[in-house]
N, C-alpha and C. Protein backbone atom coordinates (compact mmCIF):
# COMPACT_ATOMS: atom_id res chain seq x y z
N MET A 1 0.73 -1.24 -0.17
CA MET A 1 -0.05 0.11 0.02
C MET A 1 0.84 1.43 -0.14
N ILE A 2 1.82 1.04 0.69
CA ILE A 2 2.81 2.56 0.75
C ILE A 2 3.59 2.60 -0.39
N VAL A 3 3.96 1.49 -1.11
CA VAL A 3 4.75 1.58 -2.44
C VAL A 3 3.49 2.25 -3.50
N VAL A 4 2.45 1.84 -3.45
CA VAL A 4 1.14 2.47 -4.09
C VAL A 4 1.17 3.78 -4.07
N ALA A 5 1.34 4.18 -2.89
CA ALA A 5 1.04 5.67 -2.61
C ALA A 5 2.35 6.63 -3.08
N ILE A 6 3.41 6.07 -2.71
CA ILE A 6 4.69 6.78 -3.25
C ILE A 6 4.82 6.77 -4.75
N ILE A 7 4.33 5.86 -5.64
CA ILE A 7 4.24 5.67 -6.92
C ILE A 7 3.13 6.78 -7.26
N SER A 8 2.16 6.81 -6.87
CA SER A 8 0.92 7.76 -7.17
C SER A 8 1.49 9.23 -6.78
N ILE A 9 2.37 9.69 -5.64
CA ILE A 9 2.87 10.93 -5.68
C ILE A 9 3.85 11.30 -6.65
N LEU A 10 4.78 10.32 -6.80
CA LEU A 10 5.77 10.55 -8.07
C LEU A 10 5.13 10.74 -9.52
N CYS A 11 4.16 10.14 -9.62
CA CYS A 11 3.12 10.38 -10.93
C CYS A 11 2.51 11.89 -10.72
N ALA A 12 2.04 12.16 -9.81
CA ALA A 12 1.46 13.42 -9.55
C ALA A 12 2.53 14.58 -9.93
N ILE A 13 3.62 14.57 -9.53
CA ILE A 13 4.58 15.46 -9.74
C ILE A 13 5.13 15.43 -11.09
N ALA A 14 5.35 14.22 -11.71
CA ALA A 14 5.94 13.88 -13.11
C ALA A 14 4.92 14.42 -14.14
N ILE A 15 3.97 13.95 -14.05
CA ILE A 15 3.10 14.31 -15.21
C ILE A 15 2.72 15.72 -15.71
N PRO A 16 2.46 16.66 -14.73
CA PRO A 16 2.57 18.07 -15.14
C PRO A 16 3.82 18.52 -15.72
N ARG A 17 5.05 18.01 -15.17
CA ARG A 17 6.19 18.39 -15.87
C ARG A 17 6.24 17.99 -17.04
N PHE A 18 6.04 16.80 -17.19
CA PHE A 18 6.11 16.24 -18.77
C PHE A 18 5.15 17.33 -19.74
N ALA A 19 3.97 17.71 -19.26
CA ALA A 19 3.11 18.06 -20.35
C ALA A 19 3.89 19.55 -20.46
N ASP A 20 4.38 19.90 -19.53
CA ASP A 20 5.25 21.60 -19.44
C ASP A 20 6.59 21.17 -20.58
N MET A 21 7.26 20.33 -20.40
CA MET A 21 8.34 19.92 -21.24
C MET A 21 7.95 19.75 -22.86
N VAL A 22 6.72 19.35 -22.75
CA VAL A 22 6.10 19.40 -24.45
C VAL A 22 6.00 20.48 -24.86
N SER A 23 5.21 21.43 -24.03
CA SER A 23 4.93 22.56 -24.71
C SER A 23 6.24 23.34 -24.89
N LYS A 24 7.22 23.30 -24.16
CA LYS A 24 8.24 24.06 -24.23
C LYS A 24 9.28 23.63 -25.81
N ALA A 25 9.34 22.40 -25.94
CA ALA A 25 9.69 21.77 -27.18
C ALA A 25 9.05 22.33 -27.95
N GLN A 26 7.81 22.34 -28.26
CA GLN A 26 6.97 22.84 -29.47
C GLN A 26 7.29 24.26 -29.46
N GLU A 27 7.78 25.29 -28.34
CA GLU A 27 7.89 26.41 -28.50
C GLU A 27 9.12 26.51 -29.01
N GLY A 28 10.25 25.62 -28.76
CA GLY A 28 11.55 25.83 -29.38
C GLY A 28 11.64 25.44 -31.00
N VAL A 29 10.65 24.58 -31.06
CA VAL A 29 10.57 24.28 -32.53
C VAL A 29 10.08 25.51 -33.58
N THR A 30 9.17 26.24 -32.89
CA THR A 30 8.57 27.32 -33.43
C THR A 30 9.34 28.37 -33.55
N LYS A 31 10.36 28.44 -32.49
CA LYS A 31 11.24 29.68 -32.64
C LYS A 31 12.67 29.47 -33.60
N GLY A 32 12.45 28.18 -33.76
CA GLY A 32 13.74 27.42 -34.79
C GLY A 32 13.18 27.70 -36.15
N ASN A 33 11.86 27.61 -36.45
CA ASN A 33 11.25 27.61 -37.68
C ASN A 33 11.24 29.24 -38.21
N LEU A 34 10.89 30.21 -37.05
CA LEU A 34 11.01 31.59 -37.35
C LEU A 34 12.42 31.94 -37.74
N GLY A 35 13.41 31.59 -36.98
CA GLY A 35 14.72 32.04 -37.40
C GLY A 35 15.11 31.51 -38.83
N ALA A 36 14.75 30.47 -39.45
CA ALA A 36 14.71 29.89 -40.75
C ALA A 36 14.24 30.93 -41.78
N LEU A 37 12.86 31.13 -41.35
CA LEU A 37 12.30 32.22 -42.04
C LEU A 37 12.78 33.48 -41.97
N ARG A 38 13.37 33.85 -41.33
CA ARG A 38 13.99 35.25 -41.05
C ARG A 38 15.32 34.93 -42.01
N SER A 39 16.00 33.96 -41.60
CA SER A 39 17.46 33.73 -42.63
C SER A 39 16.67 33.81 -44.12
N ALA A 40 15.78 33.31 -44.51
CA ALA A 40 15.37 33.16 -46.10
C ALA A 40 15.05 34.60 -46.38
N LEU A 41 14.54 35.39 -45.46
CA LEU A 41 14.02 36.63 -45.94
C LEU A 41 15.31 37.50 -46.05
N SER A 42 15.98 37.15 -45.17
CA SER A 42 17.48 38.08 -45.19
C SER A 42 18.21 37.93 -46.53
N ILE A 43 18.41 36.67 -47.00
CA ILE A 43 19.03 36.45 -48.44
C ILE A 43 18.23 36.94 -49.34
N TYR A 44 16.87 36.78 -49.38
CA TYR A 44 16.02 37.31 -50.44
C TYR A 44 16.36 39.10 -50.54
N TYR A 45 16.37 39.56 -49.46
CA TYR A 45 16.51 41.01 -49.40
C TYR A 45 17.81 41.19 -49.93
N SER A 46 18.90 40.47 -49.80
CA SER A 46 20.17 40.98 -50.33
C SER A 46 20.23 40.64 -51.72
N ASP A 47 19.76 39.52 -52.21
CA ASP A 47 19.70 38.99 -53.45
C ASP A 47 18.92 40.24 -54.53
N ASN A 48 17.96 40.50 -53.91
CA ASN A 48 17.00 41.50 -54.65
C ASN A 48 17.03 42.78 -54.46
N ALA A 49 18.12 43.57 -54.31
CA ALA A 49 18.42 44.87 -54.08
C ALA A 49 17.62 45.78 -52.91
N GLY A 50 17.63 45.19 -51.91
CA GLY A 50 16.95 45.67 -50.87
C GLY A 50 15.36 45.89 -50.81
N THR A 51 14.79 44.75 -51.61
CA THR A 51 13.37 44.62 -51.36
C THR A 51 12.88 43.32 -51.03
N TYR A 52 11.84 43.82 -50.12
CA TYR A 52 11.22 42.22 -49.47
C TYR A 52 10.08 41.63 -50.27
N PRO A 53 9.72 40.33 -50.20
CA PRO A 53 8.74 39.79 -50.87
C PRO A 53 7.65 40.23 -50.99
N THR A 54 6.59 40.23 -51.86
CA THR A 54 5.04 40.67 -51.91
C THR A 54 4.28 39.53 -51.48
N ASP A 55 4.91 38.43 -51.76
CA ASP A 55 4.18 37.06 -51.41
C ASP A 55 5.16 36.10 -50.69
N ILE A 56 5.07 35.59 -49.74
CA ILE A 56 5.77 34.87 -49.14
C ILE A 56 6.12 33.47 -49.45
N ASN A 57 5.27 32.93 -50.50
CA ASN A 57 5.50 31.83 -51.52
C ASN A 57 6.72 31.97 -52.51
N SER A 58 7.14 33.35 -52.68
CA SER A 58 8.10 33.32 -53.55
C SER A 58 9.66 32.87 -52.83
N LEU A 59 9.60 32.70 -51.77
CA LEU A 59 10.87 32.27 -50.99
C LEU A 59 10.91 30.51 -51.28
N VAL A 60 10.08 30.05 -51.52
CA VAL A 60 10.08 28.70 -51.55
C VAL A 60 10.59 28.20 -52.70
N GLN A 61 11.28 27.23 -52.57
CA GLN A 61 12.51 26.50 -53.41
C GLN A 61 13.90 27.19 -53.73
N LYS A 62 13.83 28.48 -53.85
CA LYS A 62 15.20 29.08 -53.98
C LYS A 62 15.83 29.14 -52.64
N TYR A 63 15.06 29.83 -51.90
CA TYR A 63 15.71 30.42 -50.50
C TYR A 63 15.29 29.65 -49.26
N ILE A 64 14.05 28.83 -49.34
CA ILE A 64 13.77 27.88 -48.05
C ILE A 64 12.93 26.65 -49.00
N SER A 65 12.99 25.48 -48.13
CA SER A 65 12.22 24.23 -49.10
C SER A 65 10.70 24.21 -48.80
N ARG A 66 10.17 24.93 -47.53
CA ARG A 66 8.84 25.01 -47.63
C ARG A 66 8.66 25.97 -46.75
N ILE A 67 7.47 26.40 -46.34
CA ILE A 67 6.94 27.65 -45.51
C ILE A 67 6.86 26.86 -43.84
N PRO A 68 7.71 27.15 -43.23
CA PRO A 68 7.60 26.53 -41.81
C PRO A 68 6.32 26.80 -41.33
N SER A 69 5.85 25.74 -40.45
CA SER A 69 4.61 25.75 -39.41
C SER A 69 5.15 26.27 -38.20
N ALA A 70 3.99 27.15 -37.51
CA ALA A 70 4.12 27.48 -36.18
C ALA A 70 3.14 26.81 -35.17
N TYR A 71 3.43 26.38 -34.03
CA TYR A 71 2.85 25.94 -33.16
C TYR A 71 1.99 26.93 -32.46
N VAL A 72 0.58 26.97 -32.27
CA VAL A 72 -0.11 27.90 -31.50
C VAL A 72 -0.72 27.23 -30.32
N PRO A 73 -0.37 27.56 -29.04
CA PRO A 73 -0.97 26.87 -28.25
C PRO A 73 -2.33 27.16 -27.89
N PRO A 74 -3.28 26.31 -27.44
CA PRO A 74 -4.62 26.64 -27.26
C PRO A 74 -4.93 27.86 -26.19
N HIS A 75 -5.82 28.79 -26.53
CA HIS A 75 -5.95 29.63 -25.48
C HIS A 75 -6.93 29.37 -24.38
N ARG A 76 -6.39 29.61 -23.19
CA ARG A 76 -7.06 29.17 -21.79
C ARG A 76 -7.85 30.36 -21.44
């Protein structure tokens, strides 16, 4: 009985921390994707005499392989 109580206490502590780590990992992926998009925009800007693209899809193929996705957490 004591072992079950100890395991349940440990699970009560570990599960919320795991959910928080998943959220932080998704946030890190989104920041990385934004950095890749920022780099592609910078290269486009320097290649095209100081102008930014009017359409984000013009970056695909030459400057970036695909438009990166962004994780948006649910609103509480």
